[in-house]
Amino acid sequence: MTQTNQNYFNLTANGIGFLNRPREVQGRKSSNYYACTIQASRGDEGEKTRFDLRIVGGEAKELFARLLGEFPQLLSKNYRERPTVVVGFRAGDIQPLKFEATNHKTGEVSELLTIDGRLLKFKFIKVDGDMWYQSSSQDETQNNSDAS
C-alpha cells in the first residue's frame, strides 16, 4: 500500500506596491486569465521588488475585472494616460525568476529578476490616491493573526 504525501508548502508574501501591466492573457492550453506586475516596496528606503502575478483568487479576479471595466485607460499603451494604482496584496506560490529584457530605445539587453507567483487577494486598491476598494477589517484581523 502506498501513501501519498498530502503536504503542500505554499510560500506567501504580503505587500504594498504600484500595479503595472494589467492585462488579460490568452491561454495556450487553458482559458484566458488576468495577470499584472506589481512593483512592491520594501525596507526603510522603499526599494522596489518586482512581482509578476497571475490573478487566481476568486474575489481578486472579480475586483480586477471591475477595475479594468471602470478604468479602461489602464490598458492604454501610453503609460502616461494610465491612472496610478497602488495596491495592498497577498501573493502565493512565489519563486524567483531571472529573464532577459531588451531596452526598446537603446537595444541593450539586460538581465532582470522578478518574483513569479499567484495573486490571491487584494487588501486595498487606490486609484490616483482615492480609495477604490478596502477589504473588511475582519479579514485583516484574521490575516494578522495568521501571521503570528
C-alpha atoms as a PDB file:
ATOM      1  CA  MET A   1       0.000   0.000   0.000  1.00  0.00           C
ATOM      2  CA  THR A   2       1.396   3.388  -0.939  1.00  0.00           C
ATOM      3  CA  GLN A   3       0.771   6.559   0.919  1.00  0.00           C
ATOM      4  CA  THR A   4       0.751   9.832  -0.986  1.00  0.00           C
ATOM      5  CA  ASN A   5       2.154  12.967   0.581  1.00  0.00           C
ATOM      6  CA  GLN A   6      -0.746  15.318   1.326  1.00  0.00           C
ATOM      7  CA  ASN A   7       1.506  18.224   2.359  1.00  0.00           C
ATOM      8  CA  TYR A   8       1.680  21.275   0.153  1.00  0.00           C
ATOM      9  CA  PHE A   9       4.053  24.057   1.092  1.00  0.00           C
ATOM     10  CA  ASN A  10       2.883  27.447  -0.090  1.00  0.00           C
ATOM     11  CA  LEU A  11       5.246  30.370   0.363  1.00  0.00           C
ATOM     12  CA  THR A  12       3.251  33.608   0.616  1.00  0.00           C
ATOM     13  CA  ALA A  13       4.096  37.293   0.729  1.00  0.00           C
ATOM     14  CA  ASN A  14       2.075  40.344   1.729  1.00  0.00           C
ATOM     15  CA  GLY A  15       2.984  43.696   0.261  1.00  0.00           C
ATOM     16  CA  ILE A  16       2.130  47.156  -0.983  1.00  0.00           C
ATOM     17  CA  GLY A  17       3.114  48.434  -4.392  1.00  0.00           C
ATOM     18  CA  PHE A  18       2.293  50.000  -7.729  1.00  0.00           C
ATOM     19  CA  LEU A  19       0.142  47.928 -10.084  1.00  0.00           C
ATOM     20  CA  ASN A  20       1.631  47.856 -13.603  1.00  0.00           C
ATOM     21  CA  ARG A  21       0.996  45.981 -16.840  1.00  0.00           C
ATOM     22  CA  PRO A  22      -2.581  44.883 -16.072  1.00  0.00           C
ATOM     23  CA  ARG A  23      -3.655  42.504 -18.804  1.00  0.00           C
ATOM     24  CA  GLU A  24      -5.817  39.614 -19.911  1.00  0.00           C
ATOM     25  CA  VAL A  25      -3.601  36.809 -21.200  1.00  0.00           C
ATOM     26  CA  GLN A  26      -4.706  34.430 -23.955  1.00  0.00           C
ATOM     27  CA  GLY A  27      -4.150  30.947 -22.530  1.00  0.00           C
ATOM     28  CA  ARG A  28      -2.475  28.433 -24.832  1.00  0.00           C
ATOM     29  CA  LYS A  29      -3.884  25.261 -23.336  1.00  0.00           C
ATOM     30  CA  SER A  30      -6.310  26.749 -20.851  1.00  0.00           C
ATOM     31  CA  SER A  31      -8.769  29.608 -20.791  1.00  0.00           C
ATOM     32  CA  ASN A  32      -7.792  33.274 -20.621  1.00  0.00           C
ATOM     33  CA  TYR A  33      -6.602  34.709 -17.318  1.00  0.00           C
ATOM     34  CA  TYR A  34      -5.726  38.050 -15.733  1.00  0.00           C
ATOM     35  CA  ALA A  35      -2.156  38.997 -14.843  1.00  0.00           C
ATOM     36  CA  CYS A  36      -0.238  42.043 -13.647  1.00  0.00           C
ATOM     37  CA  THR A  37       3.131  43.250 -12.442  1.00  0.00           C
ATOM     38  CA  ILE A  38       3.432  44.876  -9.027  1.00  0.00           C
ATOM     39  CA  GLN A  39       6.442  46.981  -8.036  1.00  0.00           C
ATOM     40  CA  ALA A  40       6.319  46.305  -4.294  1.00  0.00           C
ATOM     41  CA  SER A  41       8.106  48.483  -1.749  1.00  0.00           C
ATOM     42  CA  ARG A  42      10.439  47.010   0.862  1.00  0.00           C
ATOM     43  CA  GLY A  43      12.809  48.257   3.527  1.00  0.00           C
ATOM     44  CA  ASP A  44      13.312  51.676   5.081  1.00  0.00           C
ATOM     45  CA  GLU A  45      14.192  53.297   1.761  1.00  0.00           C
ATOM     46  CA  GLY A  46      11.206  51.859  -0.133  1.00  0.00           C
ATOM     47  CA  GLU A  47      13.335  49.808  -2.507  1.00  0.00           C
ATOM     48  CA  LYS A  48      11.330  48.050  -5.220  1.00  0.00           C
ATOM     49  CA  THR A  49      10.833  44.347  -5.817  1.00  0.00           C
ATOM     50  CA  ARG A  50       9.063  43.220  -8.970  1.00  0.00           C
ATOM     51  CA  PHE A  51       6.261  40.634  -8.731  1.00  0.00           C
ATOM     52  CA  ASP A  52       4.819  39.066 -11.904  1.00  0.00           C
ATOM     53  CA  LEU A  53       1.499  37.610 -10.832  1.00  0.00           C
ATOM     54  CA  ARG A  54      -1.335  35.586 -12.297  1.00  0.00           C
ATOM     55  CA  ILE A  55      -4.574  36.607 -10.577  1.00  0.00           C
ATOM     56  CA  VAL A  56      -6.196  33.472  -9.178  1.00  0.00           C
ATOM     57  CA  GLY A  57      -8.199  34.442  -6.088  1.00  0.00           C
ATOM     58  CA  GLY A  58     -11.944  34.472  -6.822  1.00  0.00           C
ATOM     59  CA  GLU A  59     -12.626  37.871  -5.265  1.00  0.00           C
ATOM     60  CA  ALA A  60      -9.339  39.225  -6.666  1.00  0.00           C
ATOM     61  CA  LYS A  61     -10.382  38.228 -10.208  1.00  0.00           C
ATOM     62  CA  GLU A  62     -13.762  39.942  -9.788  1.00  0.00           C
ATOM     63  CA  LEU A  63     -12.143  43.119  -8.444  1.00  0.00           C
ATOM     64  CA  PHE A  64      -9.561  43.145 -11.235  1.00  0.00           C
ATOM     65  CA  ALA A  65     -12.258  42.795 -13.914  1.00  0.00           C
ATOM     66  CA  ARG A  66     -14.249  45.635 -12.298  1.00  0.00           C
ATOM     67  CA  LEU A  67     -11.116  47.797 -12.104  1.00  0.00           C
ATOM     68  CA  LEU A  68     -10.371  47.292 -15.812  1.00  0.00           C
ATOM     69  CA  GLY A  69     -14.016  47.988 -16.655  1.00  0.00           C
ATOM     70  CA  GLU A  70     -14.107  51.213 -14.651  1.00  0.00           C
ATOM     71  CA  PHE A  71     -10.664  52.402 -15.763  1.00  0.00           C
ATOM     72  CA  PRO A  72     -10.152  51.124 -19.333  1.00  0.00           C
ATOM     73  CA  GLN A  73      -7.239  53.559 -19.723  1.00  0.00           C
ATOM     74  CA  LEU A  74      -5.239  51.117 -17.533  1.00  0.00           C
ATOM     75  CA  LEU A  75      -4.830  49.082 -20.722  1.00  0.00           C
ATOM     76  CA  SER A  76      -3.533  52.041 -22.746  1.00  0.00           C
ATOM     77  CA  LYS A  77      -0.184  51.531 -24.480  1.00  0.00           C
ATOM     78  CA  ASN A  78       0.689  55.120 -23.496  1.00  0.00           C
ATOM     79  CA  TYR A  79       1.627  54.762 -19.830  1.00  0.00           C
ATOM     80  CA  ARG A  80       1.086  58.497 -19.229  1.00  0.00           C
ATOM     81  CA  GLU A  81      -2.639  58.031 -19.850  1.00  0.00           C
ATOM     82  CA  ARG A  82      -2.908  55.342 -17.178  1.00  0.00           C
ATOM     83  CA  PRO A  83      -4.077  56.198 -13.669  1.00  0.00           C
ATOM     84  CA  THR A  84      -1.694  55.453 -10.787  1.00  0.00           C
ATOM     85  CA  VAL A  85      -2.864  52.351  -8.926  1.00  0.00           C
ATOM     86  CA  VAL A  86      -1.438  51.339  -5.538  1.00  0.00           C
ATOM     87  CA  VAL A  87      -2.479  48.002  -4.059  1.00  0.00           C
ATOM     88  CA  GLY A  88      -2.099  46.007  -0.888  1.00  0.00           C
ATOM     89  CA  PHE A  89      -1.879  42.349  -1.846  1.00  0.00           C
ATOM     90  CA  ARG A  90      -1.168  38.754  -0.859  1.00  0.00           C
ATOM     91  CA  ALA A  91       0.760  36.553  -3.287  1.00  0.00           C
ATOM     92  CA  GLY A  92       1.298  32.816  -3.002  1.00  0.00           C
ATOM     93  CA  ASP A  93       3.290  30.041  -4.627  1.00  0.00           C
ATOM     94  CA  ILE A  94       6.101  32.550  -5.153  1.00  0.00           C
ATOM     95  CA  GLN A  95       9.511  31.808  -6.619  1.00  0.00           C
ATOM     96  CA  PRO A  96      12.376  33.880  -8.040  1.00  0.00           C
ATOM     97  CA  LEU A  97      12.764  34.109 -11.800  1.00  0.00           C
ATOM     98  CA  LYS A  98      15.507  35.642 -13.965  1.00  0.00           C
ATOM     99  CA  PHE A  99      14.831  36.811 -17.516  1.00  0.00           C
ATOM    100  CA  GLU A 100      16.333  38.986 -20.232  1.00  0.00           C
ATOM    101  CA  ALA A 101      14.728  42.220 -21.390  1.00  0.00           C
ATOM    102  CA  THR A 102      15.637  44.490 -24.280  1.00  0.00           C
ATOM    103  CA  ASN A 103      15.607  48.270 -23.892  1.00  0.00           C
ATOM    104  CA  HIS A 104      13.450  49.466 -26.801  1.00  0.00           C
ATOM    105  CA  LYS A 105      15.340  52.763 -27.122  1.00  0.00           C
ATOM    106  CA  THR A 106      18.944  51.518 -26.953  1.00  0.00           C
ATOM    107  CA  GLY A 107      18.560  47.859 -27.926  1.00  0.00           C
ATOM    108  CA  GLU A 108      20.611  46.924 -24.864  1.00  0.00           C
ATOM    109  CA  VAL A 109      19.780  43.530 -23.331  1.00  0.00           C
ATOM    110  CA  SER A 110      19.842  43.212 -19.544  1.00  0.00           C
ATOM    111  CA  GLU A 111      19.012  40.503 -17.026  1.00  0.00           C
ATOM    112  CA  LEU A 112      16.174  41.236 -14.626  1.00  0.00           C
ATOM    113  CA  LEU A 113      14.935  39.483 -11.521  1.00  0.00           C
ATOM    114  CA  THR A 114      11.306  39.064 -10.578  1.00  0.00           C
ATOM    115  CA  ILE A 115       9.186  37.107  -8.137  1.00  0.00           C
ATOM    116  CA  ASP A 116       6.755  34.908 -10.050  1.00  0.00           C
ATOM    117  CA  GLY A 117       3.566  33.803  -8.324  1.00  0.00           C
ATOM    118  CA  ARG A 118      -0.193  33.925  -7.931  1.00  0.00           C
ATOM    119  CA  LEU A 119      -2.132  36.919  -6.645  1.00  0.00           C
ATOM    120  CA  LEU A 120      -4.522  35.562  -4.042  1.00  0.00           C
ATOM    121  CA  LYS A 121      -6.066  38.693  -2.557  1.00  0.00           C
ATOM    122  CA  PHE A 122      -6.258  42.456  -2.801  1.00  0.00           C
ATOM    123  CA  LYS A 123      -6.228  44.097   0.645  1.00  0.00           C
ATOM    124  CA  PHE A 124      -6.888  47.532  -0.820  1.00  0.00           C
ATOM    125  CA  ILE A 125      -6.827  49.322  -4.171  1.00  0.00           C
ATOM    126  CA  LYS A 126      -6.187  53.068  -4.561  1.00  0.00           C
ATOM    127  CA  VAL A 127      -6.646  54.777  -7.927  1.00  0.00           C
ATOM    128  CA  ASP A 128      -4.966  58.182  -8.288  1.00  0.00           C
ATOM    129  CA  GLY A 129      -4.819  58.463  -4.489  1.00  0.00           C
ATOM    130  CA  ASP A 130      -8.515  57.689  -3.898  1.00  0.00           C
ATOM    131  CA  MET A 131      -9.520  54.507  -2.070  1.00  0.00           C
ATOM    132  CA  TRP A 132     -11.374  52.391  -4.633  1.00  0.00           C
ATOM    133  CA  TYR A 133     -11.537  49.152  -2.617  1.00  0.00           C
ATOM    134  CA  GLN A 134     -10.782  48.235   1.002  1.00  0.00           C
ATOM    135  CA  SER A 135     -11.175  44.713   2.370  1.00  0.00           C
ATOM    136  CA  SER A 136     -13.161  44.364   5.561  1.00  0.00           C
ATOM    137  CA  SER A 137     -11.292  44.880   8.837  1.00  0.00           C
ATOM    138  CA  GLN A 138     -12.443  41.407   9.943  1.00  0.00           C
ATOM    139  CA  ASP A 139     -10.438  39.878   7.066  1.00  0.00           C
ATOM    140  CA  GLU A 140      -7.369  41.906   8.033  1.00  0.00           C
ATOM    141  CA  THR A 141      -7.658  40.897  11.693  1.00  0.00           C
ATOM    142  CA  GLN A 142      -7.760  37.233  10.635  1.00  0.00           C
ATOM    143  CA  ASN A 143      -4.772  37.723   8.312  1.00  0.00           C
ATOM    144  CA  ASN A 144      -2.725  39.366  11.059  1.00  0.00           C
ATOM    145  CA  SER A 145      -3.471  36.526  13.482  1.00  0.00           C
ATOM    146  CA  ASP A 146      -2.447  34.014  10.794  1.00  0.00           C
ATOM    147  CA  ALA A 147       0.967  35.687  10.609  1.00  0.00           C
ATOM    148  CA  SER A 148       1.559  35.393  14.370  1.00  0.00           C
END
